[in-house]
Amino acid sequence: LYKVDIEKCRGCGICYTAFACPAIRQRSREDRRAYIDPELCTGCGVCADVCPFGAIAPAKPYDR
């Protein structure tokens, strides 16, 4: 599974608009940074390649 490092995420929206993965969404209307739902993430890793800021990485088992 993958997770978003909110310190690196700039809220550009590429991962949840252009890439349109169903597991990735905007945190809130005010906070445009991404969030990956661990229940929907299949672990394919494409989102990590899509992110221009390197904010998406594999989650450690205890991060879920």
C-alpha atoms as a PDB file:
ATOM      1  CA  LEU A   1       0.000   0.000   0.000  1.00  0.00           C
ATOM      2  CA  TYR A   2       0.974   3.635  -0.508  1.00  0.00           C
ATOM      3  CA  LYS A   3       0.634   6.785   1.558  1.00  0.00           C
ATOM      4  CA  VAL A   4       1.061  10.532   1.099  1.00  0.00           C
ATOM      5  CA  ASP A   5       3.766  12.425   2.957  1.00  0.00           C
ATOM      6  CA  ILE A   6       1.785  15.568   3.777  1.00  0.00           C
ATOM      7  CA  GLU A   7       5.002  17.518   4.329  1.00  0.00           C
ATOM      8  CA  LYS A   8       5.974  16.945   0.681  1.00  0.00           C
ATOM      9  CA  CYS A   9       2.497  17.152  -0.877  1.00  0.00           C
ATOM     10  CA  ARG A  10       1.844  20.570  -2.450  1.00  0.00           C
ATOM     11  CA  GLY A  11      -1.834  20.006  -3.277  1.00  0.00           C
ATOM     12  CA  CYS A  12      -1.331  20.206  -7.033  1.00  0.00           C
ATOM     13  CA  GLY A  13      -4.141  17.666  -7.539  1.00  0.00           C
ATOM     14  CA  ILE A  14      -2.466  15.664 -10.302  1.00  0.00           C
ATOM     15  CA  CYS A  15      -2.928  12.390  -8.422  1.00  0.00           C
ATOM     16  CA  TYR A  16      -6.641  12.844  -7.750  1.00  0.00           C
ATOM     17  CA  THR A  17      -7.699  14.729 -10.892  1.00  0.00           C
ATOM     18  CA  ALA A  18      -5.488  13.842 -13.867  1.00  0.00           C
ATOM     19  CA  PHE A  19      -4.529  10.370 -12.644  1.00  0.00           C
ATOM     20  CA  ALA A  20      -7.958   9.789 -11.090  1.00  0.00           C
ATOM     21  CA  CYS A  21      -7.151   6.808  -8.876  1.00  0.00           C
ATOM     22  CA  PRO A  22     -10.267   5.925  -6.845  1.00  0.00           C
ATOM     23  CA  ALA A  23      -8.130   5.480  -3.702  1.00  0.00           C
ATOM     24  CA  ILE A  24      -6.751   9.037  -3.828  1.00  0.00           C
ATOM     25  CA  ARG A  25      -8.740  12.112  -2.913  1.00  0.00           C
ATOM     26  CA  GLN A  26      -8.336  15.653  -1.670  1.00  0.00           C
ATOM     27  CA  ARG A  27      -8.109  15.868   2.139  1.00  0.00           C
ATOM     28  CA  SER A  28     -10.738  18.596   2.401  1.00  0.00           C
ATOM     29  CA  ARG A  29     -12.089  21.604   0.571  1.00  0.00           C
ATOM     30  CA  GLU A  30      -9.624  23.810   2.451  1.00  0.00           C
ATOM     31  CA  ASP A  31      -6.687  21.396   2.369  1.00  0.00           C
ATOM     32  CA  ARG A  32      -5.931  20.368  -1.216  1.00  0.00           C
ATOM     33  CA  ARG A  33      -3.242  17.870  -0.223  1.00  0.00           C
ATOM     34  CA  ALA A  34      -3.887  14.260  -1.189  1.00  0.00           C
ATOM     35  CA  TYR A  35      -5.008  11.358   0.948  1.00  0.00           C
ATOM     36  CA  ILE A  36      -4.844   7.679  -0.010  1.00  0.00           C
ATOM     37  CA  ASP A  37      -7.593   5.488   1.408  1.00  0.00           C
ATOM     38  CA  PRO A  38      -5.808   2.300   2.546  1.00  0.00           C
ATOM     39  CA  GLU A  39      -9.014   0.296   2.057  1.00  0.00           C
ATOM     40  CA  LEU A  40      -9.061   1.166  -1.664  1.00  0.00           C
ATOM     41  CA  CYS A  41      -5.324   1.191  -2.444  1.00  0.00           C
ATOM     42  CA  THR A  42      -4.237  -1.893  -4.407  1.00  0.00           C
ATOM     43  CA  GLY A  43      -0.533  -1.098  -4.078  1.00  0.00           C
ATOM     44  CA  CYS A  44       0.132  -0.733  -7.807  1.00  0.00           C
ATOM     45  CA  GLY A  45       2.550   2.178  -7.207  1.00  0.00           C
ATOM     46  CA  VAL A  46       1.654   4.211 -10.281  1.00  0.00           C
ATOM     47  CA  CYS A  47       0.677   7.159  -8.070  1.00  0.00           C
ATOM     48  CA  ALA A  48       4.254   7.376  -6.794  1.00  0.00           C
ATOM     49  CA  ASP A  49       5.435   7.773 -10.387  1.00  0.00           C
ATOM     50  CA  VAL A  50       2.767  10.396 -11.128  1.00  0.00           C
ATOM     51  CA  CYS A  51       3.546  12.679  -8.165  1.00  0.00           C
ATOM     52  CA  PRO A  52       5.958  15.444  -9.274  1.00  0.00           C
ATOM     53  CA  PHE A  53       6.967  16.179  -5.662  1.00  0.00           C
ATOM     54  CA  GLY A  54       7.802  12.635  -4.554  1.00  0.00           C
ATOM     55  CA  ALA A  55       5.126  12.844  -1.865  1.00  0.00           C
ATOM     56  CA  ILE A  56       3.749   9.337  -2.402  1.00  0.00           C
ATOM     57  CA  ALA A  57       5.681   6.337  -1.120  1.00  0.00           C
ATOM     58  CA  PRO A  58       5.055   2.797   0.068  1.00  0.00           C
ATOM     59  CA  ALA A  59       3.432   2.687   3.482  1.00  0.00           C
ATOM     60  CA  LYS A  60       5.005   0.717   6.270  1.00  0.00           C
ATOM     61  CA  PRO A  61       2.695  -1.910   7.802  1.00  0.00           C
ATOM     62  CA  TYR A  62       2.167   0.211  10.934  1.00  0.00           C
ATOM     63  CA  ASP A  63       1.220   3.305   8.832  1.00  0.00           C
ATOM     64  CA  ARG A  64      -2.098   1.816   7.745  1.00  0.00           C
END
